[in-house]
């Protein structure tokens, strides 16, 4: 039985590519068509649309098609899983650093 993809893994893989990060940054300003998104990049349109597909499969963007024009926009909850995971990691490291701080203070007080 194939392993189901972890949503956080999919988001991280999608954002690992600089082209896809630039697309996400562009979409912060609002929805855009495939051709508008592809314009600044020096690559064939089929290659560029593969990048958009990766972002869409990861749940970072959504698209709608009207006639021959496909418009992409950021998914409202596309980064929520990653944000939650990062918050958990931050909490763990803050707790560890607090424990280390307590240890160092304790060692200094013993001197």
N, C-alpha and C. Protein backbone atom coordinates (compact mmCIF):
# COMPACT_ATOMS: atom_id res chain seq x y z
N UNK A 1 0.85 -1.18 0.00
CA UNK A 1 0.00 0.00 0.00
C UNK A 1 0.89 1.24 0.00
N UNK A 2 0.69 2.17 -0.94
CA UNK A 2 1.55 3.35 -1.00
C UNK A 2 1.31 4.28 0.19
N UNK A 3 2.40 4.88 0.63
CA UNK A 3 2.33 5.82 1.74
C UNK A 3 1.65 7.11 1.27
N UNK A 4 0.73 7.61 2.08
CA UNK A 4 0.09 8.88 1.76
C UNK A 4 1.09 10.01 1.99
N UNK A 5 1.06 10.99 1.13
CA UNK A 5 1.98 12.12 1.24
C UNK A 5 1.58 12.99 2.44
N UNK A 6 2.57 13.39 3.19
CA UNK A 6 2.36 14.30 4.31
C UNK A 6 2.15 15.70 3.73
N UNK A 7 1.06 16.38 4.10
CA UNK A 7 0.82 17.72 3.55
C UNK A 7 1.96 18.70 3.81
N UNK A 8 2.59 18.60 4.97
CA UNK A 8 3.72 19.49 5.28
C UNK A 8 4.88 19.20 4.33
N UNK A 9 5.14 17.90 4.07
CA UNK A 9 6.20 17.53 3.12
C UNK A 9 5.91 18.11 1.74
N UNK A 10 4.66 18.03 1.32
CA UNK A 10 4.30 18.52 -0.01
C UNK A 10 4.48 20.03 -0.11
N UNK A 11 4.12 20.75 0.92
CA UNK A 11 4.29 22.21 0.92
C UNK A 11 5.77 22.56 0.90
N UNK A 12 6.57 21.87 1.72
CA UNK A 12 8.01 22.16 1.75
C UNK A 12 8.66 21.84 0.41
N UNK A 13 8.28 20.72 -0.20
CA UNK A 13 8.82 20.39 -1.52
C UNK A 13 8.44 21.45 -2.54
N UNK A 14 7.19 21.89 -2.48
CA UNK A 14 6.74 22.90 -3.44
C UNK A 14 7.50 24.21 -3.26
N UNK A 15 7.73 24.60 -2.02
CA UNK A 15 8.40 25.87 -1.75
C UNK A 15 9.92 25.79 -1.85
N UNK A 16 10.45 24.59 -2.05
CA UNK A 16 11.90 24.42 -2.17
C UNK A 16 12.43 25.01 -3.46
N UNK A 17 11.58 25.21 -4.44
CA UNK A 17 12.02 25.72 -5.74
C UNK A 17 11.86 27.24 -5.79
N UNK A 18 12.91 27.96 -6.19
CA UNK A 18 12.83 29.43 -6.22
C UNK A 18 11.77 29.97 -7.18
N UNK A 19 11.53 29.30 -8.28
CA UNK A 19 10.49 29.75 -9.22
C UNK A 19 9.14 29.71 -8.54
N UNK A 20 8.86 28.62 -7.84
CA UNK A 20 7.56 28.49 -7.18
C UNK A 20 7.42 29.49 -6.04
N UNK A 21 8.50 29.76 -5.32
CA UNK A 21 8.42 30.79 -4.27
C UNK A 21 8.13 32.15 -4.87
N UNK A 22 8.72 32.46 -6.01
CA UNK A 22 8.45 33.74 -6.67
C UNK A 22 7.00 33.83 -7.11
N UNK A 23 6.43 32.71 -7.57
CA UNK A 23 5.02 32.70 -7.95
C UNK A 23 4.15 33.00 -6.74
N UNK A 24 4.46 32.36 -5.61
CA UNK A 24 3.70 32.61 -4.38
C UNK A 24 3.81 34.08 -3.99
N UNK A 25 5.01 34.63 -4.05
CA UNK A 25 5.21 36.04 -3.71
C UNK A 25 4.39 36.94 -4.63
N UNK A 26 4.33 36.60 -5.90
CA UNK A 26 3.54 37.39 -6.85
C UNK A 26 2.05 37.32 -6.52
N UNK A 27 1.59 36.13 -6.14
CA UNK A 27 0.16 35.95 -5.86
C UNK A 27 -0.28 36.61 -4.56
N UNK A 28 0.66 37.01 -3.71
CA UNK A 28 0.30 37.78 -2.51
C UNK A 28 -0.41 39.06 -2.94
N UNK A 29 -0.03 39.58 -4.08
CA UNK A 29 -0.65 40.81 -4.59
C UNK A 29 -2.01 40.62 -5.22
N UNK A 30 -2.45 39.36 -5.38
CA UNK A 30 -3.76 39.09 -5.95
C UNK A 30 -3.69 38.05 -7.04
N UNK A 31 -4.85 37.59 -7.50
CA UNK A 31 -4.91 36.54 -8.52
C UNK A 31 -4.23 36.98 -9.82
N UNK A 32 -3.76 35.98 -10.58
CA UNK A 32 -3.10 36.26 -11.86
C UNK A 32 -3.30 35.08 -12.80
N UNK A 33 -3.31 35.39 -14.07
CA UNK A 33 -3.45 34.35 -15.08
C UNK A 33 -2.12 33.62 -15.26
N UNK A 34 -2.20 32.45 -15.87
CA UNK A 34 -1.00 31.66 -16.14
C UNK A 34 0.01 32.49 -16.92
N UNK A 35 -0.45 33.16 -17.97
CA UNK A 35 0.48 33.92 -18.81
C UNK A 35 1.09 35.09 -18.05
N UNK A 36 0.33 35.75 -17.19
CA UNK A 36 0.88 36.85 -16.38
C UNK A 36 1.94 36.32 -15.42
N UNK A 37 1.67 35.17 -14.82
CA UNK A 37 2.64 34.59 -13.89
C UNK A 37 3.90 34.13 -14.60
N UNK A 38 3.74 33.61 -15.82
CA UNK A 38 4.88 33.06 -16.56
C UNK A 38 5.77 34.13 -17.17
N UNK A 39 5.22 35.31 -17.39
CA UNK A 39 5.92 36.35 -18.16
C UNK A 39 7.34 36.65 -17.69
N UNK A 40 7.60 36.81 -16.38
CA UNK A 40 8.97 37.16 -15.98
C UNK A 40 9.99 36.02 -16.06
N UNK A 41 9.53 34.81 -16.34
CA UNK A 41 10.42 33.66 -16.32
C UNK A 41 10.85 33.27 -17.73
N UNK A 42 12.10 32.92 -17.86
CA UNK A 42 12.65 32.52 -19.16
C UNK A 42 12.57 31.00 -19.28
N UNK A 43 11.33 30.50 -19.48
CA UNK A 43 11.14 29.06 -19.67
C UNK A 43 9.89 28.85 -20.52
N UNK A 44 9.84 27.69 -21.12
CA UNK A 44 8.68 27.34 -21.95
C UNK A 44 7.43 27.25 -21.07
N UNK A 45 6.30 27.61 -21.64
CA UNK A 45 5.04 27.61 -20.89
C UNK A 45 4.71 26.23 -20.30
N UNK A 46 4.91 25.12 -21.04
CA UNK A 46 4.63 23.81 -20.42
C UNK A 46 5.48 23.55 -19.18
N UNK A 47 6.72 23.96 -19.20
CA UNK A 47 7.58 23.80 -18.01
C UNK A 47 7.06 24.65 -16.86
N UNK A 48 6.65 25.85 -17.17
CA UNK A 48 6.14 26.74 -16.13
C UNK A 48 4.84 26.21 -15.53
N UNK A 49 3.96 25.69 -16.38
CA UNK A 49 2.69 25.17 -15.86
C UNK A 49 2.92 23.96 -14.95
N UNK A 50 4.01 23.25 -15.14
CA UNK A 50 4.33 22.16 -14.21
C UNK A 50 4.57 22.71 -12.81
N UNK A 51 5.23 23.87 -12.74
CA UNK A 51 5.45 24.51 -11.44
C UNK A 51 4.11 24.87 -10.80
N UNK A 52 3.20 25.40 -11.59
CA UNK A 52 1.89 25.75 -11.06
C UNK A 52 1.15 24.51 -10.57
N UNK A 53 1.31 23.40 -11.28
CA UNK A 53 0.68 22.15 -10.87
C UNK A 53 1.20 21.66 -9.53
N UNK A 54 2.50 21.80 -9.31
CA UNK A 54 3.10 21.40 -8.03
C UNK A 54 2.51 22.25 -6.90
N UNK A 55 2.40 23.55 -7.12
CA UNK A 55 1.83 24.43 -6.10
C UNK A 55 0.36 24.09 -5.83
N UNK A 56 -0.35 23.75 -6.88
CA UNK A 56 -1.77 23.42 -6.71
C UNK A 56 -1.95 22.08 -5.99
N UNK A 57 -1.16 21.09 -6.35
CA UNK A 57 -1.25 19.78 -5.68
C UNK A 57 -0.88 19.88 -4.20
N UNK A 58 0.02 20.80 -3.87
CA UNK A 58 0.43 21.01 -2.48
C UNK A 58 -0.63 21.80 -1.70
N UNK A 59 -1.62 22.34 -2.40
CA UNK A 59 -2.68 23.10 -1.74
C UNK A 59 -2.32 24.54 -1.45
N UNK A 60 -1.25 25.03 -2.05
CA UNK A 60 -0.81 26.41 -1.82
C UNK A 60 -1.59 27.39 -2.68
N UNK A 61 -1.94 26.97 -3.88
CA UNK A 61 -2.72 27.81 -4.79
C UNK A 61 -3.94 27.03 -5.28
N UNK A 62 -4.92 27.76 -5.76
CA UNK A 62 -6.07 27.18 -6.44
C UNK A 62 -6.19 27.87 -7.79
N UNK A 63 -6.90 27.23 -8.69
CA UNK A 63 -7.09 27.85 -10.01
C UNK A 63 -8.53 27.68 -10.47
N UNK A 64 -8.93 28.60 -11.31
CA UNK A 64 -10.23 28.53 -11.97
C UNK A 64 -9.99 28.80 -13.45
N UNK A 65 -10.85 28.21 -14.27
CA UNK A 65 -10.70 28.40 -15.71
C UNK A 65 -11.95 29.06 -16.26
N UNK A 66 -11.75 30.15 -16.97
CA UNK A 66 -12.82 30.86 -17.65
C UNK A 66 -12.43 30.95 -19.12
N UNK A 67 -13.12 30.17 -19.95
CA UNK A 67 -12.73 30.11 -21.36
C UNK A 67 -11.37 29.46 -21.48
N UNK A 68 -10.45 30.18 -22.09
CA UNK A 68 -9.09 29.66 -22.27
C UNK A 68 -8.12 30.19 -21.22
N UNK A 69 -8.62 30.99 -20.30
CA UNK A 69 -7.75 31.62 -19.30
C UNK A 69 -7.88 30.92 -17.95
N UNK A 70 -6.75 30.48 -17.42
CA UNK A 70 -6.71 29.89 -16.08
C UNK A 70 -6.12 30.94 -15.14
N UNK A 71 -6.84 31.19 -14.05
CA UNK A 71 -6.41 32.19 -13.07
C UNK A 71 -6.05 31.49 -11.76
N UNK A 72 -4.91 31.88 -11.22
CA UNK A 72 -4.42 31.29 -9.97
C UNK A 72 -4.52 32.31 -8.85
N UNK A 73 -4.77 31.78 -7.66
CA UNK A 73 -4.80 32.62 -6.45
C UNK A 73 -4.27 31.78 -5.30
N UNK A 74 -3.80 32.46 -4.27
CA UNK A 74 -3.34 31.73 -3.07
C UNK A 74 -4.52 31.07 -2.40
N UNK A 75 -4.33 29.85 -1.94
CA UNK A 75 -5.37 29.15 -1.18
C UNK A 75 -5.37 29.72 0.24
N UNK A 76 -6.53 30.09 0.76
CA UNK A 76 -6.57 30.73 2.08
C UNK A 76 -5.91 29.93 3.20
N UNK A 77 -5.99 28.62 3.14
CA UNK A 77 -5.43 27.80 4.21
C UNK A 77 -4.24 26.97 3.73
N UNK A 78 -3.67 27.34 2.60
CA UNK A 78 -2.62 26.55 1.99
C UNK A 78 -1.37 26.34 2.82
N UNK A 79 -1.07 27.27 3.69
CA UNK A 79 0.14 27.16 4.51
C UNK A 79 -0.16 26.85 5.96
N UNK A 80 -1.43 26.59 6.29
CA UNK A 80 -1.80 26.37 7.69
C UNK A 80 -1.09 25.16 8.31
N UNK A 81 -0.99 24.07 7.56
CA UNK A 81 -0.32 22.88 8.10
C UNK A 81 1.13 23.15 8.41
N UNK A 82 1.81 23.85 7.50
CA UNK A 82 3.21 24.20 7.72
C UNK A 82 3.35 25.16 8.89
N UNK A 83 2.45 26.13 8.97
CA UNK A 83 2.49 27.10 10.07
C UNK A 83 2.33 26.39 11.41
N UNK A 84 1.41 25.44 11.48
CA UNK A 84 1.19 24.70 12.73
C UNK A 84 2.42 23.87 13.09
N UNK A 85 3.02 23.22 12.09
CA UNK A 85 4.20 22.41 12.34
C UNK A 85 5.35 23.28 12.84
N UNK A 86 5.55 24.43 12.21
CA UNK A 86 6.61 25.34 12.64
C UNK A 86 6.36 25.85 14.06
N UNK A 87 5.11 26.11 14.40
CA UNK A 87 4.78 26.57 15.75
C UNK A 87 5.12 25.49 16.78
N UNK A 88 4.84 24.23 16.44
CA UNK A 88 5.19 23.12 17.34
C UNK A 88 6.70 23.04 17.54
N UNK A 89 7.45 23.19 16.44
CA UNK A 89 8.91 23.12 16.55
C UNK A 89 9.44 24.28 17.36
N UNK A 90 8.88 25.44 17.18
CA UNK A 90 9.31 26.62 17.93
C UNK A 90 9.08 26.40 19.42
N UNK A 91 7.92 25.85 19.77
CA UNK A 91 7.60 25.61 21.18
C UNK A 91 8.61 24.64 21.79
N UNK A 92 8.93 23.56 21.08
CA UNK A 92 9.90 22.59 21.58
C UNK A 92 11.25 23.27 21.82
N UNK A 93 11.70 24.06 20.85
CA UNK A 93 13.02 24.70 21.00
C UNK A 93 13.01 25.78 22.06
N UNK A 94 11.90 26.50 22.22
CA UNK A 94 11.83 27.48 23.29
C UNK A 94 11.91 26.81 24.65
N UNK A 95 11.24 25.66 24.78
CA UNK A 95 11.30 24.92 26.04
C UNK A 95 12.72 24.43 26.31
N UNK A 96 13.36 23.92 25.27
CA UNK A 96 14.75 23.44 25.44
C UNK A 96 15.68 24.58 25.82
N UNK A 97 15.52 25.72 25.19
CA UNK A 97 16.38 26.86 25.50
C UNK A 97 16.11 27.38 26.91
N UNK A 98 14.83 27.36 27.32
CA UNK A 98 14.51 27.76 28.70
C UNK A 98 15.18 26.81 29.69
N UNK A 99 15.15 25.51 29.40
CA UNK A 99 15.80 24.53 30.28
C UNK A 99 17.31 24.76 30.32
N UNK A 100 17.89 25.05 29.18
CA UNK A 100 19.33 25.32 29.13
C UNK A 100 19.65 26.59 29.92
N UNK A 101 18.83 27.61 29.77
CA UNK A 101 19.02 28.85 30.50
C UNK A 101 18.96 28.59 32.00
N UNK A 102 17.99 27.80 32.44
CA UNK A 102 17.88 27.45 33.86
C UNK A 102 19.13 26.70 34.33
N UNK A 103 19.63 25.79 33.51
CA UNK A 103 20.82 25.02 33.85
C UNK A 103 22.03 25.94 34.02
N UNK A 104 22.21 26.86 33.05
CA UNK A 104 23.36 27.77 33.12
C UNK A 104 23.26 28.65 34.37
N UNK A 105 22.09 29.19 34.64
CA UNK A 105 21.92 30.03 35.83
C UNK A 105 22.21 29.24 37.09
N UNK A 106 21.72 28.02 37.12
CA UNK A 106 21.95 27.14 38.27
C UNK A 106 23.45 26.87 38.46
N UNK A 107 24.16 26.64 37.37
CA UNK A 107 25.60 26.37 37.44
C UNK A 107 26.34 27.62 37.93
N UNK A 108 25.93 28.78 37.48
CA UNK A 108 26.58 30.03 37.91
C UNK A 108 26.33 30.30 39.39
N UNK A 109 25.13 29.94 39.86
CA UNK A 109 24.81 30.16 41.26
C UNK A 109 25.60 29.23 42.17
N UNK A 110 25.97 28.06 41.65
CA UNK A 110 26.75 27.10 42.45
C UNK A 110 28.18 27.55 42.65
N UNK A 111 28.67 28.44 41.78
CA UNK A 111 30.08 28.90 41.88
C UNK A 111 30.26 29.83 43.00
